[in-house]
Amino acid sequence: MKGFTLWFTGLPCSGKSTLARKIEETLLERGVNCEVLDGDEVRENLSKGLTFSKEDRDINIRRIGWVCQLLARNGAIAISAAISPYKATRDEIRSQHERFVEVYVKAPLELLKERDVKGMYKKAIAGEIKNFTGISDPYEEPDNPEIVVETDKESIDESTQKTLRTLELMSYVPGVDADSEYSADEEEKIKSRLKDLGYI
């Protein structure tokens, strides 16, 4: 199987890391070699000392993209779960990959504030955290992501299934014998999106 990069992007607390780990768990159960690069873990181990300025954010994302590229070209599925707020930088990373799948993890800001157990949004609104994405720093939505999951409307299992089914239809991951949990209508929506993007 050829490797590729599965790139989750979205606002803080949208569910990127949770979904990435669930996808990883499912793929490992299928015998697929994959690795998650979580934004917080990368900052601790690969990008320690970087600030949250635009320049440093771009450096961090480029580092993640480079590691993903190495993993993908060696036959693994590289799963990135980082905010990656700037469209131009994401597009730059995409251009460096032979196979790149962008997943926009979408949820309304009000819900994300409620989900925030660390209180980061509250601190950002109070001015205690500078350059916080979605409050004092912009988040630029993807124009044409291969997959959009709406974590305010879908359970983690539904978002996982949607992501995996899309990857199966793209022939990027092996399918399973079990019946799809999606209705014929939902399956057609996924196929229609992939046709519009030129994958099938």
C-alpha atoms as a PDB file:
ATOM      1  CA  MET A   1       0.000   0.000   0.000  1.00  0.00           C
ATOM      2  CA  LYS A   2       1.240   3.497  -0.848  1.00  0.00           C
ATOM      3  CA  GLY A   3       1.607   5.972   1.965  1.00  0.00           C
ATOM      4  CA  PHE A   4      -0.182   9.312   2.169  1.00  0.00           C
ATOM      5  CA  THR A   5      -0.805  12.209   4.537  1.00  0.00           C
ATOM      6  CA  LEU A   6      -4.136  12.655   6.287  1.00  0.00           C
ATOM      7  CA  TRP A   7      -4.193  16.271   7.441  1.00  0.00           C
ATOM      8  CA  PHE A   8      -6.749  17.328  10.065  1.00  0.00           C
ATOM      9  CA  THR A   9      -7.265  21.081  10.398  1.00  0.00           C
ATOM     10  CA  GLY A  10      -9.699  23.074  12.502  1.00  0.00           C
ATOM     11  CA  LEU A  11     -10.096  25.430  15.440  1.00  0.00           C
ATOM     12  CA  PRO A  12      -8.871  24.530  18.947  1.00  0.00           C
ATOM     13  CA  CYS A  13     -11.143  21.967  20.666  1.00  0.00           C
ATOM     14  CA  SER A  14     -12.892  21.038  17.393  1.00  0.00           C
ATOM     15  CA  GLY A  15     -11.952  17.354  17.850  1.00  0.00           C
ATOM     16  CA  LYS A  16      -8.885  16.944  15.610  1.00  0.00           C
ATOM     17  CA  SER A  17      -6.764  14.916  18.033  1.00  0.00           C
ATOM     18  CA  THR A  18      -9.659  12.745  19.203  1.00  0.00           C
ATOM     19  CA  LEU A  19     -10.608  11.902  15.637  1.00  0.00           C
ATOM     20  CA  ALA A  20      -6.995  11.348  14.562  1.00  0.00           C
ATOM     21  CA  ARG A  21      -6.445   8.866  17.409  1.00  0.00           C
ATOM     22  CA  LYS A  22      -9.677   7.035  16.587  1.00  0.00           C
ATOM     23  CA  ILE A  23      -8.656   6.760  12.927  1.00  0.00           C
ATOM     24  CA  GLU A  24      -5.203   5.542  13.966  1.00  0.00           C
ATOM     25  CA  GLU A  25      -6.706   2.904  16.261  1.00  0.00           C
ATOM     26  CA  THR A  26      -9.020   1.639  13.524  1.00  0.00           C
ATOM     27  CA  LEU A  27      -6.295   1.518  10.873  1.00  0.00           C
ATOM     28  CA  LEU A  28      -3.859  -0.285  13.188  1.00  0.00           C
ATOM     29  CA  GLU A  29      -6.573  -2.895  13.800  1.00  0.00           C
ATOM     30  CA  ARG A  30      -6.694  -3.374  10.010  1.00  0.00           C
ATOM     31  CA  GLY A  31      -2.929  -3.900   9.947  1.00  0.00           C
ATOM     32  CA  VAL A  32      -2.163  -0.535   8.367  1.00  0.00           C
ATOM     33  CA  ASN A  33       1.066   1.241   9.355  1.00  0.00           C
ATOM     34  CA  CYS A  34       0.227   4.762  10.547  1.00  0.00           C
ATOM     35  CA  GLU A  35       1.481   7.465  12.882  1.00  0.00           C
ATOM     36  CA  VAL A  36      -0.219  10.497  14.455  1.00  0.00           C
ATOM     37  CA  LEU A  37       1.610  13.815  14.739  1.00  0.00           C
ATOM     38  CA  ASP A  38      -0.405  15.723  17.318  1.00  0.00           C
ATOM     39  CA  GLY A  39       0.043  19.499  17.359  1.00  0.00           C
ATOM     40  CA  ASP A  40       0.642  19.782  21.118  1.00  0.00           C
ATOM     41  CA  GLU A  41       3.083  16.851  21.165  1.00  0.00           C
ATOM     42  CA  VAL A  42       5.026  18.223  18.189  1.00  0.00           C
ATOM     43  CA  ARG A  43       5.370  21.610  19.891  1.00  0.00           C
ATOM     44  CA  GLU A  44       6.758  19.863  22.981  1.00  0.00           C
ATOM     45  CA  ASN A  45       9.202  17.568  21.163  1.00  0.00           C
ATOM     46  CA  LEU A  46      10.018  19.051  17.751  1.00  0.00           C
ATOM     47  CA  SER A  47       9.179  22.745  17.966  1.00  0.00           C
ATOM     48  CA  LYS A  48       9.979  23.636  21.579  1.00  0.00           C
ATOM     49  CA  GLY A  49      10.675  27.341  21.959  1.00  0.00           C
ATOM     50  CA  LEU A  50       8.564  28.484  19.039  1.00  0.00           C
ATOM     51  CA  THR A  51       6.023  31.196  19.785  1.00  0.00           C
ATOM     52  CA  PHE A  52       2.525  31.568  18.357  1.00  0.00           C
ATOM     53  CA  SER A  53       3.445  34.334  15.938  1.00  0.00           C
ATOM     54  CA  LYS A  54       2.488  33.726  12.321  1.00  0.00           C
ATOM     55  CA  GLU A  55       6.124  33.102  11.390  1.00  0.00           C
ATOM     56  CA  ASP A  56       6.636  30.517  14.136  1.00  0.00           C
ATOM     57  CA  ARG A  57       3.285  28.851  13.454  1.00  0.00           C
ATOM     58  CA  ASP A  58       4.318  28.433   9.818  1.00  0.00           C
ATOM     59  CA  ILE A  59       7.676  26.964  10.865  1.00  0.00           C
ATOM     60  CA  ASN A  60       5.877  24.479  13.124  1.00  0.00           C
ATOM     61  CA  ILE A  61       3.452  23.430  10.382  1.00  0.00           C
ATOM     62  CA  ARG A  62       6.262  23.069   7.844  1.00  0.00           C
ATOM     63  CA  ARG A  63       8.102  20.783  10.266  1.00  0.00           C
ATOM     64  CA  ILE A  64       5.009  18.627  10.695  1.00  0.00           C
ATOM     65  CA  GLY A  65       4.546  18.561   6.922  1.00  0.00           C
ATOM     66  CA  TRP A  66       8.162  17.469   6.402  1.00  0.00           C
ATOM     67  CA  VAL A  67       7.854  14.587   8.879  1.00  0.00           C
ATOM     68  CA  CYS A  68       4.554  13.554   7.262  1.00  0.00           C
ATOM     69  CA  GLN A  69       6.259  13.575   3.871  1.00  0.00           C
ATOM     70  CA  LEU A  70       9.020  11.259   5.154  1.00  0.00           C
ATOM     71  CA  LEU A  71       6.509   8.853   6.664  1.00  0.00           C
ATOM     72  CA  ALA A  72       4.263   8.846   3.594  1.00  0.00           C
ATOM     73  CA  ARG A  73       7.052   8.198   1.108  1.00  0.00           C
ATOM     74  CA  ASN A  74       8.076   5.204   3.233  1.00  0.00           C
ATOM     75  CA  GLY A  75       4.636   3.631   2.944  1.00  0.00           C
ATOM     76  CA  ALA A  76       3.024   4.831   6.178  1.00  0.00           C
ATOM     77  CA  ILE A  77      -0.102   6.871   6.673  1.00  0.00           C
ATOM     78  CA  ALA A  78       0.993  10.112   8.335  1.00  0.00           C
ATOM     79  CA  ILE A  79      -1.861  11.646  10.326  1.00  0.00           C
ATOM     80  CA  SER A  80      -1.430  15.294  11.307  1.00  0.00           C
ATOM     81  CA  ALA A  81      -3.695  16.827  13.944  1.00  0.00           C
ATOM     82  CA  ALA A  82      -2.686  20.476  14.235  1.00  0.00           C
ATOM     83  CA  ILE A  83      -4.702  23.682  13.958  1.00  0.00           C
ATOM     84  CA  SER A  84      -2.706  24.790  10.869  1.00  0.00           C
ATOM     85  CA  PRO A  85      -4.711  28.019  10.649  1.00  0.00           C
ATOM     86  CA  TYR A  86      -3.300  29.543   7.461  1.00  0.00           C
ATOM     87  CA  LYS A  87      -4.555  28.344   4.090  1.00  0.00           C
ATOM     88  CA  ALA A  88      -1.411  29.292   2.142  1.00  0.00           C
ATOM     89  CA  THR A  89       0.788  27.203   4.433  1.00  0.00           C
ATOM     90  CA  ARG A  90      -1.546  24.199   4.197  1.00  0.00           C
ATOM     91  CA  ASP A  91      -1.550  24.539   0.406  1.00  0.00           C
ATOM     92  CA  GLU A  92       2.249  24.705   0.444  1.00  0.00           C
ATOM     93  CA  ILE A  93       2.376  21.444   2.436  1.00  0.00           C
ATOM     94  CA  ARG A  94      -0.130  19.843   0.047  1.00  0.00           C
ATOM     95  CA  SER A  95       2.041  20.759  -2.960  1.00  0.00           C
ATOM     96  CA  GLN A  96       4.956  18.838  -1.438  1.00  0.00           C
ATOM     97  CA  HIS A  97       2.997  15.594  -1.124  1.00  0.00           C
ATOM     98  CA  GLU A  98       2.132  13.101  -3.816  1.00  0.00           C
ATOM     99  CA  ARG A  99      -0.973  11.993  -1.887  1.00  0.00           C
ATOM    100  CA  PHE A 100      -2.562  14.430   0.558  1.00  0.00           C
ATOM    101  CA  VAL A 101      -6.049  14.329   2.090  1.00  0.00           C
ATOM    102  CA  GLU A 102      -7.307  17.375   3.977  1.00  0.00           C
ATOM    103  CA  VAL A 103      -9.977  16.905   6.649  1.00  0.00           C
ATOM    104  CA  TYR A 104     -11.709  20.036   7.892  1.00  0.00           C
ATOM    105  CA  VAL A 105     -12.937  19.414  11.443  1.00  0.00           C
ATOM    106  CA  LYS A 106     -15.727  21.953  11.674  1.00  0.00           C
ATOM    107  CA  ALA A 107     -17.688  23.155  14.707  1.00  0.00           C
ATOM    108  CA  PRO A 108     -19.181  26.512  15.772  1.00  0.00           C
ATOM    109  CA  LEU A 109     -17.061  28.731  18.005  1.00  0.00           C
ATOM    110  CA  GLU A 110     -19.673  28.892  20.786  1.00  0.00           C
ATOM    111  CA  LEU A 111     -19.608  25.105  21.164  1.00  0.00           C
ATOM    112  CA  LEU A 112     -15.802  25.048  21.193  1.00  0.00           C
ATOM    113  CA  LYS A 113     -15.781  27.526  24.071  1.00  0.00           C
ATOM    114  CA  GLU A 114     -18.061  25.157  26.012  1.00  0.00           C
ATOM    115  CA  ARG A 115     -15.842  22.141  25.245  1.00  0.00           C
ATOM    116  CA  ASP A 116     -12.673  23.880  26.373  1.00  0.00           C
ATOM    117  CA  VAL A 117     -11.783  22.120  29.632  1.00  0.00           C
ATOM    118  CA  LYS A 118      -8.436  23.962  29.870  1.00  0.00           C
ATOM    119  CA  GLY A 119     -10.143  27.364  29.770  1.00  0.00           C
ATOM    120  CA  MET A 120      -7.973  28.594  26.890  1.00  0.00           C
ATOM    121  CA  TYR A 121     -10.775  30.415  25.075  1.00  0.00           C
ATOM    122  CA  LYS A 122     -11.774  32.200  28.279  1.00  0.00           C
ATOM    123  CA  LYS A 123      -8.165  33.311  28.846  1.00  0.00           C
ATOM    124  CA  ALA A 124      -7.823  34.410  25.223  1.00  0.00           C
ATOM    125  CA  ILE A 125     -11.009  36.484  25.401  1.00  0.00           C
ATOM    126  CA  ALA A 126      -9.694  38.079  28.616  1.00  0.00           C
ATOM    127  CA  GLY A 127      -6.444  38.927  26.816  1.00  0.00           C
ATOM    128  CA  GLU A 128      -4.349  36.541  28.922  1.00  0.00           C
ATOM    129  CA  ILE A 129      -3.339  34.459  25.874  1.00  0.00           C
ATOM    130  CA  LYS A 130      -2.089  36.321  22.814  1.00  0.00           C
ATOM    131  CA  ASN A 131      -2.379  35.118  19.180  1.00  0.00           C
ATOM    132  CA  PHE A 132      -5.065  32.575  20.022  1.00  0.00           C
ATOM    133  CA  THR A 133      -6.643  31.079  16.896  1.00  0.00           C
ATOM    134  CA  GLY A 134     -10.305  31.964  16.526  1.00  0.00           C
ATOM    135  CA  ILE A 135     -10.151  34.843  19.011  1.00  0.00           C
ATOM    136  CA  SER A 136      -7.144  37.130  18.466  1.00  0.00           C
ATOM    137  CA  ASP A 137      -5.645  35.299  15.487  1.00  0.00           C
ATOM    138  CA  PRO A 138      -7.453  34.207  12.307  1.00  0.00           C
ATOM    139  CA  TYR A 139      -8.420  30.720  11.190  1.00  0.00           C
ATOM    140  CA  GLU A 140      -8.741  30.413   7.410  1.00  0.00           C
ATOM    141  CA  GLU A 141     -11.173  27.678   6.413  1.00  0.00           C
ATOM    142  CA  PRO A 142     -10.098  25.288   3.631  1.00  0.00           C
ATOM    143  CA  ASP A 143     -11.661  25.963   0.228  1.00  0.00           C
ATOM    144  CA  ASN A 144     -11.891  22.369  -1.018  1.00  0.00           C
ATOM    145  CA  PRO A 145     -11.019  19.823   1.656  1.00  0.00           C
ATOM    146  CA  GLU A 146     -11.481  16.206   0.613  1.00  0.00           C
ATOM    147  CA  ILE A 147     -13.467  15.565   3.804  1.00  0.00           C
ATOM    148  CA  VAL A 148     -15.554  17.800   6.071  1.00  0.00           C
ATOM    149  CA  VAL A 149     -16.651  16.457   9.447  1.00  0.00           C
ATOM    150  CA  GLU A 150     -19.032  18.488  11.604  1.00  0.00           C
ATOM    151  CA  THR A 151     -18.355  17.513  15.187  1.00  0.00           C
ATOM    152  CA  ASP A 152     -21.322  19.488  16.507  1.00  0.00           C
ATOM    153  CA  LYS A 153     -23.670  17.296  14.437  1.00  0.00           C
ATOM    154  CA  GLU A 154     -21.786  13.974  14.248  1.00  0.00           C
ATOM    155  CA  SER A 155     -20.578  11.586  16.927  1.00  0.00           C
ATOM    156  CA  ILE A 156     -16.897  10.661  16.938  1.00  0.00           C
ATOM    157  CA  ASP A 157     -17.857   7.289  15.464  1.00  0.00           C
ATOM    158  CA  GLU A 158     -19.835   8.934  12.651  1.00  0.00           C
ATOM    159  CA  SER A 159     -16.970  11.302  11.807  1.00  0.00           C
ATOM    160  CA  THR A 160     -14.530   8.372  11.904  1.00  0.00           C
ATOM    161  CA  GLN A 161     -16.728   6.280   9.630  1.00  0.00           C
ATOM    162  CA  LYS A 162     -17.180   9.161   7.162  1.00  0.00           C
ATOM    163  CA  THR A 163     -13.418   9.712   7.004  1.00  0.00           C
ATOM    164  CA  LEU A 164     -12.570   6.033   6.589  1.00  0.00           C
ATOM    165  CA  ARG A 165     -15.292   5.457   3.982  1.00  0.00           C
ATOM    166  CA  THR A 166     -13.961   8.364   1.926  1.00  0.00           C
ATOM    167  CA  LEU A 167     -10.428   6.940   2.112  1.00  0.00           C
ATOM    168  CA  GLU A 168     -11.763   3.509   1.061  1.00  0.00           C
ATOM    169  CA  LEU A 169     -13.559   5.014  -1.954  1.00  0.00           C
ATOM    170  CA  MET A 170     -10.325   6.779  -2.904  1.00  0.00           C
ATOM    171  CA  SER A 171      -8.572   3.380  -2.650  1.00  0.00           C
ATOM    172  CA  TYR A 172      -6.145   4.882  -0.121  1.00  0.00           C
ATOM    173  CA  VAL A 173      -6.965   2.353   2.633  1.00  0.00           C
ATOM    174  CA  PRO A 174      -8.234  -1.231   2.397  1.00  0.00           C
ATOM    175  CA  GLY A 175     -11.949  -1.702   2.909  1.00  0.00           C
ATOM    176  CA  VAL A 176     -13.576  -4.100   5.342  1.00  0.00           C
ATOM    177  CA  ASP A 177     -16.183  -6.768   4.760  1.00  0.00           C
ATOM    178  CA  ALA A 178     -18.628  -5.265   7.233  1.00  0.00           C
ATOM    179  CA  ASP A 179     -21.547  -3.303   5.784  1.00  0.00           C
ATOM    180  CA  SER A 180     -21.088   0.424   5.697  1.00  0.00           C
ATOM    181  CA  GLU A 181     -22.887   2.261   8.476  1.00  0.00           C
ATOM    182  CA  TYR A 182     -23.891   4.919   5.962  1.00  0.00           C
ATOM    183  CA  SER A 183     -27.152   5.021   4.070  1.00  0.00           C
ATOM    184  CA  ALA A 184     -27.216   4.933   0.271  1.00  0.00           C
ATOM    185  CA  ASP A 185     -27.927   8.688   0.266  1.00  0.00           C
ATOM    186  CA  GLU A 186     -24.947   9.481   2.490  1.00  0.00           C
ATOM    187  CA  GLU A 187     -22.723   7.205   0.412  1.00  0.00           C
ATOM    188  CA  GLU A 188     -23.768   9.101  -2.724  1.00  0.00           C
ATOM    189  CA  LYS A 189     -22.896  12.426  -1.074  1.00  0.00           C
ATOM    190  CA  ILE A 190     -19.375  11.150  -0.356  1.00  0.00           C
ATOM    191  CA  LYS A 191     -19.008   9.838  -3.917  1.00  0.00           C
ATOM    192  CA  SER A 192     -20.342  13.089  -5.374  1.00  0.00           C
ATOM    193  CA  ARG A 193     -17.791  15.135  -3.416  1.00  0.00           C
ATOM    194  CA  LEU A 194     -14.948  12.887  -4.575  1.00  0.00           C
ATOM    195  CA  LYS A 195     -16.142  13.159  -8.179  1.00  0.00           C
ATOM    196  CA  ASP A 196     -16.217  16.965  -7.910  1.00  0.00           C
ATOM    197  CA  LEU A 197     -12.645  16.905  -6.606  1.00  0.00           C
ATOM    198  CA  GLY A 198     -11.534  14.563  -9.403  1.00  0.00           C
ATOM    199  CA  TYR A 199     -10.751  11.458  -7.338  1.00  0.00           C
ATOM    200  CA  ILE A 200     -13.347   9.127  -8.834  1.00  0.00           C
END
